[in-house]
Amino acid sequence: MAQQHRKYYLDKTGTVPQVPYFVLPVKEWERYPLPTDLPPLSPEKKWHLLRVSPENLKTYQRFPSGKRVTPHERQRRDCYFEFRA
């Protein structure tokens, strides 16, 4: 087995199969890192994630013509036409 492992180790082409006896086990935290252990996000990535988050998406109401109306304008219009039936 040691000779087979030596052949695998010295092989540059990748054609010699690996000997399972000499494969070291990988710790679970190396294979599946916890999200809390990941490096912190850069300010650019944080800004991008905040910008595209569902809470910050702009909700537009459209006229039949296709013109978009901002929520602020819609709020002013609703206040003015509040009592219209």
PDB file of N, CA and C in Angstrom:
ATOM      1  N   MET A   1       0.821  -1.185   0.000  1.00  0.00           N
ATOM      2  CA  MET A   1       0.000   0.000   0.000  1.00  0.00           C
ATOM      3  C   MET A   1       0.868   1.252   0.000  1.00  0.00           C
ATOM      4  N   ALA A   2       1.986   1.186   0.714  1.00  0.00           N
ATOM      5  CA  ALA A   2       2.887   2.342   0.739  1.00  0.00           C
ATOM      6  C   ALA A   2       3.459   2.616  -0.653  1.00  0.00           C
ATOM      7  N   GLN A   3       3.793   1.559  -1.387  1.00  0.00           N
ATOM      8  CA  GLN A   3       4.328   1.731  -2.737  1.00  0.00           C
ATOM      9  C   GLN A   3       3.264   2.322  -3.671  1.00  0.00           C
ATOM     10  N   GLN A   4       2.003   1.867  -3.545  1.00  0.00           N
ATOM     11  CA  GLN A   4       0.918   2.420  -4.359  1.00  0.00           C
ATOM     12  C   GLN A   4       0.710   3.909  -4.038  1.00  0.00           C
ATOM     13  N   HIS A   5       0.809   4.234  -2.749  1.00  0.00           N
ATOM     14  CA  HIS A   5       0.649   5.627  -2.344  1.00  0.00           C
ATOM     15  C   HIS A   5       1.791   6.475  -2.898  1.00  0.00           C
ATOM     16  N   ARG A   6       2.992   5.929  -2.912  1.00  0.00           N
ATOM     17  CA  ARG A   6       4.153   6.633  -3.450  1.00  0.00           C
ATOM     18  C   ARG A   6       3.960   6.901  -4.942  1.00  0.00           C
ATOM     19  N   LYS A   7       3.430   5.900  -5.670  1.00  0.00           N
ATOM     20  CA  LYS A   7       3.166   6.092  -7.096  1.00  0.00           C
ATOM     21  C   LYS A   7       2.121   7.186  -7.314  1.00  0.00           C
ATOM     22  N   TYR A   8       1.079   7.156  -6.486  1.00  0.00           N
ATOM     23  CA  TYR A   8       0.039   8.182  -6.597  1.00  0.00           C
ATOM     24  C   TYR A   8       0.616   9.567  -6.301  1.00  0.00           C
ATOM     25  N   TYR A   9       1.460   9.649  -5.273  1.00  0.00           N
ATOM     26  CA  TYR A   9       2.024  10.924  -4.850  1.00  0.00           C
ATOM     27  C   TYR A   9       2.946  11.502  -5.921  1.00  0.00           C
ATOM     28  N   LEU A  10       3.719  10.625  -6.592  1.00  0.00           N
ATOM     29  CA  LEU A  10       4.675  11.096  -7.596  1.00  0.00           C
ATOM     30  C   LEU A  10       4.043  11.260  -8.974  1.00  0.00           C
ATOM     31  N   ASP A  11       2.832  10.802  -9.153  1.00  0.00           N
ATOM     32  CA  ASP A  11       2.175  10.881 -10.462  1.00  0.00           C
ATOM     33  C   ASP A  11       1.809  12.323 -10.802  1.00  0.00           C
ATOM     34  N   LYS A  12       2.226  12.791 -11.972  1.00  0.00           N
ATOM     35  CA  LYS A  12       1.919  14.162 -12.404  1.00  0.00           C
ATOM     36  C   LYS A  12       0.725  14.193 -13.355  1.00  0.00           C
ATOM     37  N   THR A  13       0.333  13.048 -13.909  1.00  0.00           N
ATOM     38  CA  THR A  13      -0.739  13.021 -14.896  1.00  0.00           C
ATOM     39  C   THR A  13      -2.117  12.869 -14.261  1.00  0.00           C
ATOM     40  N   GLY A  14      -2.195  12.379 -13.036  1.00  0.00           N
ATOM     41  CA  GLY A  14      -3.476  12.167 -12.369  1.00  0.00           C
ATOM     42  C   GLY A  14      -4.164  10.880 -12.778  1.00  0.00           C
ATOM     43  N   THR A  15      -3.428   9.952 -13.386  1.00  0.00           N
ATOM     44  CA  THR A  15      -4.035   8.698 -13.833  1.00  0.00           C
ATOM     45  C   THR A  15      -3.951   7.595 -12.780  1.00  0.00           C
ATOM     46  N   VAL A  16      -3.033   7.720 -11.838  1.00  0.00           N
ATOM     47  CA  VAL A  16      -2.880   6.693 -10.797  1.00  0.00           C
ATOM     48  C   VAL A  16      -3.940   6.937  -9.725  1.00  0.00           C
ATOM     49  N   PRO A  17      -4.723   5.892  -9.364  1.00  0.00           N
ATOM     50  CA  PRO A  17      -5.785   6.093  -8.367  1.00  0.00           C
ATOM     51  C   PRO A  17      -5.221   6.328  -6.965  1.00  0.00           C
ATOM     52  N   GLN A  18      -5.968   7.088  -6.177  1.00  0.00           N
ATOM     53  CA  GLN A  18      -5.570   7.386  -4.806  1.00  0.00           C
ATOM     54  C   GLN A  18      -5.816   6.171  -3.917  1.00  0.00           C
ATOM     55  N   VAL A  19      -4.945   5.965  -2.933  1.00  0.00           N
ATOM     56  CA  VAL A  19      -5.087   4.845  -2.002  1.00  0.00           C
ATOM     57  C   VAL A  19      -5.932   5.329  -0.831  1.00  0.00           C
ATOM     58  N   PRO A  20      -7.129   4.747  -0.612  1.00  0.00           N
ATOM     59  CA  PRO A  20      -8.030   5.249   0.418  1.00  0.00           C
ATOM     60  C   PRO A  20      -7.461   5.149   1.838  1.00  0.00           C
ATOM     61  N   TYR A  21      -6.521   4.253   2.061  1.00  0.00           N
ATOM     62  CA  TYR A  21      -5.960   4.067   3.400  1.00  0.00           C
ATOM     63  C   TYR A  21      -5.237   5.326   3.864  1.00  0.00           C
ATOM     64  N   PHE A  22      -4.648   6.060   2.936  1.00  0.00           N
ATOM     65  CA  PHE A  22      -3.832   7.216   3.294  1.00  0.00           C
ATOM     66  C   PHE A  22      -4.576   8.552   3.180  1.00  0.00           C
ATOM     67  N   VAL A  23      -5.881   8.521   2.929  1.00  0.00           N
ATOM     68  CA  VAL A  23      -6.660   9.759   2.861  1.00  0.00           C
ATOM     69  C   VAL A  23      -6.981  10.193   4.277  1.00  0.00           C
ATOM     70  N   LEU A  24      -6.594  11.421   4.625  1.00  0.00           N
ATOM     71  CA  LEU A  24      -6.869  11.937   5.958  1.00  0.00           C
ATOM     72  C   LEU A  24      -8.311  12.417   6.050  1.00  0.00           C
ATOM     73  N   PRO A  25      -8.985  12.151   7.154  1.00  0.00           N
ATOM     74  CA  PRO A  25     -10.373  12.624   7.277  1.00  0.00           C
ATOM     75  C   PRO A  25     -10.404  14.149   7.405  1.00  0.00           C
ATOM     76  N   VAL A  26     -11.445  14.726   6.841  1.00  0.00           N
ATOM     77  CA  VAL A  26     -11.626  16.174   6.903  1.00  0.00           C
ATOM     78  C   VAL A  26     -12.579  16.481   8.039  1.00  0.00           C
ATOM     79  N   LYS A  27     -12.225  17.470   8.841  1.00  0.00           N
ATOM     80  CA  LYS A  27     -13.097  17.849   9.939  1.00  0.00           C
ATOM     81  C   LYS A  27     -14.385  18.455   9.374  1.00  0.00           C
ATOM     82  N   GLU A  28     -15.465  18.259  10.089  1.00  0.00           N
ATOM     83  CA  GLU A  28     -16.765  18.711   9.591  1.00  0.00           C
ATOM     84  C   GLU A  28     -16.803  20.226   9.431  1.00  0.00           C
ATOM     85  N   TRP A  29     -16.187  20.980  10.348  1.00  0.00           N
ATOM     86  CA  TRP A  29     -16.246  22.436  10.257  1.00  0.00           C
ATOM     87  C   TRP A  29     -15.414  22.959   9.087  1.00  0.00           C
ATOM     88  N   GLU A  30     -14.460  22.158   8.588  1.00  0.00           N
ATOM     89  CA  GLU A  30     -13.716  22.581   7.401  1.00  0.00           C
ATOM     90  C   GLU A  30     -14.550  22.359   6.143  1.00  0.00           C
ATOM     91  N   ARG A  31     -15.343  21.300   6.139  1.00  0.00           N
ATOM     92  CA  ARG A  31     -16.162  20.986   4.968  1.00  0.00           C
ATOM     93  C   ARG A  31     -17.415  21.860   4.926  1.00  0.00           C
ATOM     94  N   TYR A  32     -18.039  22.068   6.088  1.00  0.00           N
ATOM     95  CA  TYR A  32     -19.263  22.857   6.172  1.00  0.00           C
ATOM     96  C   TYR A  32     -19.057  23.987   7.185  1.00  0.00           C
ATOM     97  N   PRO A  33     -18.488  25.113   6.771  1.00  0.00           N
ATOM     98  CA  PRO A  33     -18.246  26.196   7.744  1.00  0.00           C
ATOM     99  C   PRO A  33     -19.557  26.833   8.198  1.00  0.00           C
ATOM    100  N   LEU A  34     -19.576  27.290   9.424  1.00  0.00           N
ATOM    101  CA  LEU A  34     -20.754  27.981   9.949  1.00  0.00           C
ATOM    102  C   LEU A  34     -20.831  29.370   9.328  1.00  0.00           C
ATOM    103  N   PRO A  35     -22.020  29.867   9.054  1.00  0.00           N
ATOM    104  CA  PRO A  35     -22.129  31.209   8.474  1.00  0.00           C
ATOM    105  C   PRO A  35     -21.556  32.289   9.386  1.00  0.00           C
ATOM    106  N   THR A  36     -21.544  32.040  10.698  1.00  0.00           N
ATOM    107  CA  THR A  36     -20.996  33.039  11.613  1.00  0.00           C
ATOM    108  C   THR A  36     -19.476  33.072  11.566  1.00  0.00           C
ATOM    109  N   ASP A  37     -18.864  32.010  11.041  1.00  0.00           N
ATOM    110  CA  ASP A  37     -17.409  31.964  10.951  1.00  0.00           C
ATOM    111  C   ASP A  37     -16.878  32.565   9.658  1.00  0.00           C
ATOM    112  N   LEU A  38     -17.784  32.957   8.755  1.00  0.00           N
ATOM    113  CA  LEU A  38     -17.342  33.523   7.485  1.00  0.00           C
ATOM    114  C   LEU A  38     -16.797  34.926   7.701  1.00  0.00           C
ATOM    115  N   PRO A  39     -15.904  35.378   6.826  1.00  0.00           N
ATOM    116  CA  PRO A  39     -15.355  36.734   7.003  1.00  0.00           C
ATOM    117  C   PRO A  39     -16.449  37.784   6.836  1.00  0.00           C
ATOM    118  N   PRO A  40     -16.279  38.943   7.458  1.00  0.00           N
ATOM    119  CA  PRO A  40     -17.312  39.980   7.355  1.00  0.00           C
ATOM    120  C   PRO A  40     -17.424  40.523   5.936  1.00  0.00           C
ATOM    121  N   LEU A  41     -18.596  41.024   5.610  1.00  0.00           N
ATOM    122  CA  LEU A  41     -18.836  41.569   4.270  1.00  0.00           C
ATOM    123  C   LEU A  41     -18.174  42.934   4.123  1.00  0.00           C
ATOM    124  N   SER A  42     -17.762  43.216   2.904  1.00  0.00           N
ATOM    125  CA  SER A  42     -17.184  44.525   2.629  1.00  0.00           C
ATOM    126  C   SER A  42     -18.311  45.557   2.581  1.00  0.00           C
ATOM    127  N   PRO A  43     -17.999  46.834   2.768  1.00  0.00           N
ATOM    128  CA  PRO A  43     -19.050  47.859   2.719  1.00  0.00           C
ATOM    129  C   PRO A  43     -19.797  47.885   1.385  1.00  0.00           C
ATOM    130  N   GLU A  44     -19.097  47.599   0.271  1.00  0.00           N
ATOM    131  CA  GLU A  44     -19.770  47.599  -1.033  1.00  0.00           C
ATOM    132  C   GLU A  44     -20.817  46.488  -1.103  1.00  0.00           C
ATOM    133  N   LYS A  45     -20.455  45.297  -0.591  1.00  0.00           N
ATOM    134  CA  LYS A  45     -21.404  44.183  -0.636  1.00  0.00           C
ATOM    135  C   LYS A  45     -22.587  44.440   0.295  1.00  0.00           C
ATOM    136  N   LYS A  46     -22.325  45.036   1.464  1.00  0.00           N
ATOM    137  CA  LYS A  46     -23.413  45.352   2.383  1.00  0.00           C
ATOM    138  C   LYS A  46     -24.377  46.337   1.726  1.00  0.00           C
ATOM    139  N   TRP A  47     -23.828  47.365   1.069  1.00  0.00           N
ATOM    140  CA  TRP A  47     -24.667  48.360   0.416  1.00  0.00           C
ATOM    141  C   TRP A  47     -25.507  47.705  -0.668  1.00  0.00           C
ATOM    142  N   HIS A  48     -24.889  46.824  -1.445  1.00  0.00           N
ATOM    143  CA  HIS A  48     -25.626  46.161  -2.516  1.00  0.00           C
ATOM    144  C   HIS A  48     -26.757  45.299  -1.950  1.00  0.00           C
ATOM    145  N   LEU A  49     -26.475  44.548  -0.885  1.00  0.00           N
ATOM    146  CA  LEU A  49     -27.502  43.687  -0.297  1.00  0.00           C
ATOM    147  C   LEU A  49     -28.643  44.509   0.297  1.00  0.00           C
ATOM    148  N   LEU A  50     -28.314  45.644   0.916  1.00  0.00           N
ATOM    149  CA  LEU A  50     -29.364  46.503   1.451  1.00  0.00           C
ATOM    150  C   LEU A  50     -30.195  47.124   0.332  1.00  0.00           C
ATOM    151  N   ARG A  51     -29.528  47.485  -0.764  1.00  0.00           N
ATOM    152  CA  ARG A  51     -30.214  48.147  -1.871  1.00  0.00           C
ATOM    153  C   ARG A  51     -31.204  47.222  -2.573  1.00  0.00           C
ATOM    154  N   VAL A  52     -30.854  45.939  -2.696  1.00  0.00           N
ATOM    155  CA  VAL A  52     -31.714  45.004  -3.429  1.00  0.00           C
ATOM    156  C   VAL A  52     -32.604  44.170  -2.516  1.00  0.00           C
ATOM    157  N   SER A  53     -32.610  44.476  -1.212  1.00  0.00           N
ATOM    158  CA  SER A  53     -33.449  43.698  -0.307  1.00  0.00           C
ATOM    159  C   SER A  53     -34.924  43.978  -0.596  1.00  0.00           C
ATOM    160  N   PRO A  54     -35.809  43.023  -0.323  1.00  0.00           N
ATOM    161  CA  PRO A  54     -37.238  43.204  -0.644  1.00  0.00           C
ATOM    162  C   PRO A  54     -37.871  44.401   0.067  1.00  0.00           C
ATOM    163  N   GLU A  55     -37.374  44.786   1.243  1.00  0.00           N
ATOM    164  CA  GLU A  55     -37.975  45.925   1.948  1.00  0.00           C
ATOM    165  C   GLU A  55     -37.719  47.234   1.205  1.00  0.00           C
ATOM    166  N   ASN A  56     -36.606  47.303   0.463  1.00  0.00           N
ATOM    167  CA  ASN A  56     -36.245  48.557  -0.198  1.00  0.00           C
ATOM    168  C   ASN A  56     -36.613  48.593  -1.676  1.00  0.00           C
ATOM    169  N   LEU A  57     -37.331  47.594  -2.156  1.00  0.00           N
ATOM    170  CA  LEU A  57     -37.736  47.627  -3.552  1.00  0.00           C
ATOM    171  C   LEU A  57     -38.835  48.668  -3.736  1.00  0.00           C
ATOM    172  N   LYS A  58     -38.753  49.420  -4.827  1.00  0.00           N
ATOM    173  CA  LYS A  58     -39.742  50.449  -5.083  1.00  0.00           C
ATOM    174  C   LYS A  58     -40.993  49.797  -5.664  1.00  0.00           C
ATOM    175  N   THR A  59     -42.109  50.099  -5.060  1.00  0.00           N
ATOM    176  CA  THR A  59     -43.373  49.572  -5.575  1.00  0.00           C
ATOM    177  C   THR A  59     -44.049  50.697  -6.329  1.00  0.00           C
ATOM    178  N   TYR A  60     -44.235  50.520  -7.576  1.00  0.00           N
ATOM    179  CA  TYR A  60     -44.844  51.536  -8.412  1.00  0.00           C
ATOM    180  C   TYR A  60     -46.265  51.132  -8.773  1.00  0.00           C
ATOM    181  N   GLN A  61     -47.134  52.127  -8.817  1.00  0.00           N
ATOM    182  CA  GLN A  61     -48.453  51.912  -9.370  1.00  0.00           C
ATOM    183  C   GLN A  61     -48.400  52.487 -10.779  1.00  0.00           C
ATOM    184  N   ARG A  62     -49.018  51.821 -11.708  1.00  0.00           N
ATOM    185  CA  ARG A  62     -48.969  52.291 -13.090  1.00  0.00           C
ATOM    186  C   ARG A  62     -50.330  52.788 -13.539  1.00  0.00           C
ATOM    187  N   PHE A  63     -50.279  53.860 -14.310  1.00  0.00           N
ATOM    188  CA  PHE A  63     -51.480  54.323 -14.991  1.00  0.00           C
ATOM    189  C   PHE A  63     -51.748  53.400 -16.165  1.00  0.00           C
ATOM    190  N   PRO A  64     -52.969  53.431 -16.724  1.00  0.00           N
ATOM    191  CA  PRO A  64     -53.231  52.618 -17.912  1.00  0.00           C
ATOM    192  C   PRO A  64     -52.290  52.949 -19.071  1.00  0.00           C
ATOM    193  N   SER A  65     -51.785  54.196 -19.093  1.00  0.00           N
ATOM    194  CA  SER A  65     -50.869  54.574 -20.166  1.00  0.00           C
ATOM    195  C   SER A  65     -49.487  53.948 -19.971  1.00  0.00           C
ATOM    196  N   GLY A  66     -49.207  53.420 -18.775  1.00  0.00           N
ATOM    197  CA  GLY A  66     -47.909  52.816 -18.509  1.00  0.00           C
ATOM    198  C   GLY A  66     -46.997  53.715 -17.710  1.00  0.00           C
ATOM    199  N   LYS A  67     -47.449  54.959 -17.424  1.00  0.00           N
ATOM    200  CA  LYS A  67     -46.634  55.881 -16.643  1.00  0.00           C
ATOM    201  C   LYS A  67     -46.584  55.415 -15.187  1.00  0.00           C
ATOM    202  N   ARG A  68     -45.389  55.436 -14.611  1.00  0.00           N
ATOM    203  CA  ARG A  68     -45.252  55.000 -13.227  1.00  0.00           C
ATOM    204  C   ARG A  68     -45.511  56.148 -12.263  1.00  0.00           C
ATOM    205  N   VAL A  69     -46.095  55.806 -11.118  1.00  0.00           N
ATOM    206  CA  VAL A  69     -46.390  56.789 -10.084  1.00  0.00           C
ATOM    207  C   VAL A  69     -45.648  56.363  -8.830  1.00  0.00           C
ATOM    208  N   THR A  70     -44.900  57.279  -8.239  1.00  0.00           N
ATOM    209  CA  THR A  70     -44.128  56.944  -7.039  1.00  0.00           C
ATOM    210  C   THR A  70     -45.064  56.765  -5.849  1.00  0.00           C
ATOM    211  N   PRO A  71     -44.634  56.019  -4.837  1.00  0.00           N
ATOM    212  CA  PRO A  71     -45.483  55.854  -3.637  1.00  0.00           C
ATOM    213  C   PRO A  71     -45.802  57.184  -2.963  1.00  0.00           C
ATOM    214  N   HIS A  72     -44.847  58.129  -2.988  1.00  0.00           N
ATOM    215  CA  HIS A  72     -45.073  59.438  -2.356  1.00  0.00           C
ATOM    216  C   HIS A  72     -46.206  60.189  -3.070  1.00  0.00           C
ATOM    217  N   GLU A  73     -46.162  60.190  -4.400  1.00  0.00           N
ATOM    218  CA  GLU A  73     -47.206  60.854  -5.175  1.00  0.00           C
ATOM    219  C   GLU A  73     -48.554  60.165  -4.982  1.00  0.00           C
ATOM    220  N   ARG A  74     -48.552  58.842  -4.917  1.00  0.00           N
ATOM    221  CA  ARG A  74     -49.785  58.087  -4.697  1.00  0.00           C
ATOM    222  C   ARG A  74     -50.376  58.417  -3.328  1.00  0.00           C
ATOM    223  N   GLN A  75     -49.484  58.588  -2.314  1.00  0.00           N
ATOM    224  CA  GLN A  75     -49.954  58.903  -0.976  1.00  0.00           C
ATOM    225  C   GLN A  75     -50.611  60.289  -0.947  1.00  0.00           C
ATOM    226  N   ARG A  76     -50.011  61.262  -1.635  1.00  0.00           N
ATOM    227  CA  ARG A  76     -50.605  62.601  -1.695  1.00  0.00           C
ATOM    228  C   ARG A  76     -51.951  62.571  -2.412  1.00  0.00           C
ATOM    229  N   ARG A  77     -52.037  61.813  -3.499  1.00  0.00           N
ATOM    230  CA  ARG A  77     -53.280  61.714  -4.252  1.00  0.00           C
ATOM    231  C   ARG A  77     -54.363  61.035  -3.420  1.00  0.00           C
ATOM    232  N   ASP A  78     -53.989  59.976  -2.685  1.00  0.00           N
ATOM    233  CA  ASP A  78     -54.971  59.268  -1.858  1.00  0.00           C
ATOM    234  C   ASP A  78     -55.494  60.170  -0.743  1.00  0.00           C
ATOM    235  N   CYS A  79     -54.626  61.029  -0.200  1.00  0.00           N
ATOM    236  CA  CYS A  79     -55.042  61.952   0.855  1.00  0.00           C
ATOM    237  C   CYS A  79     -56.030  62.962   0.291  1.00  0.00           C
ATOM    238  N   TYR A  80     -55.783  63.441  -0.927  1.00  0.00           N
ATOM    239  CA  TYR A  80     -56.650  64.441  -1.534  1.00  0.00           C
ATOM    240  C   TYR A  80     -57.998  63.853  -1.922  1.00  0.00           C
ATOM    241  N   PHE A  81     -57.980  62.649  -2.505  1.00  0.00           N
ATOM    242  CA  PHE A  81     -59.213  62.025  -2.974  1.00  0.00           C
ATOM    243  C   PHE A  81     -59.745  61.005  -1.978  1.00  0.00           C
ATOM    244  N   GLU A  82     -59.459  61.218  -0.701  1.00  0.00           N
ATOM    245  CA  GLU A  82     -59.818  60.235   0.317  1.00  0.00           C
ATOM    246  C   GLU A  82     -61.324  60.007   0.412  1.00  0.00           C
ATOM    247  N   PHE A  83     -62.120  61.068   0.289  1.00  0.00           N
ATOM    248  CA  PHE A  83     -63.540  60.955   0.518  1.00  0.00           C
ATOM    249  C   PHE A  83     -64.326  60.766  -0.773  1.00  0.00           C
ATOM    250  N   ARG A  84     -63.636  60.537  -1.864  1.00  0.00           N
ATOM    251  CA  ARG A  84     -64.337  60.294  -3.113  1.00  0.00           C
ATOM    252  C   ARG A  84     -64.896  58.882  -3.126  1.00  0.00           C
ATOM    253  N   ALA A  85     -66.126  58.695  -3.509  1.00  0.00           N
ATOM    254  CA  ALA A  85     -66.734  57.378  -3.466  1.00  0.00           C
ATOM    255  C   ALA A  85     -66.658  56.674  -4.785  1.00  0.00           C
TER     256      ALA A  85
END
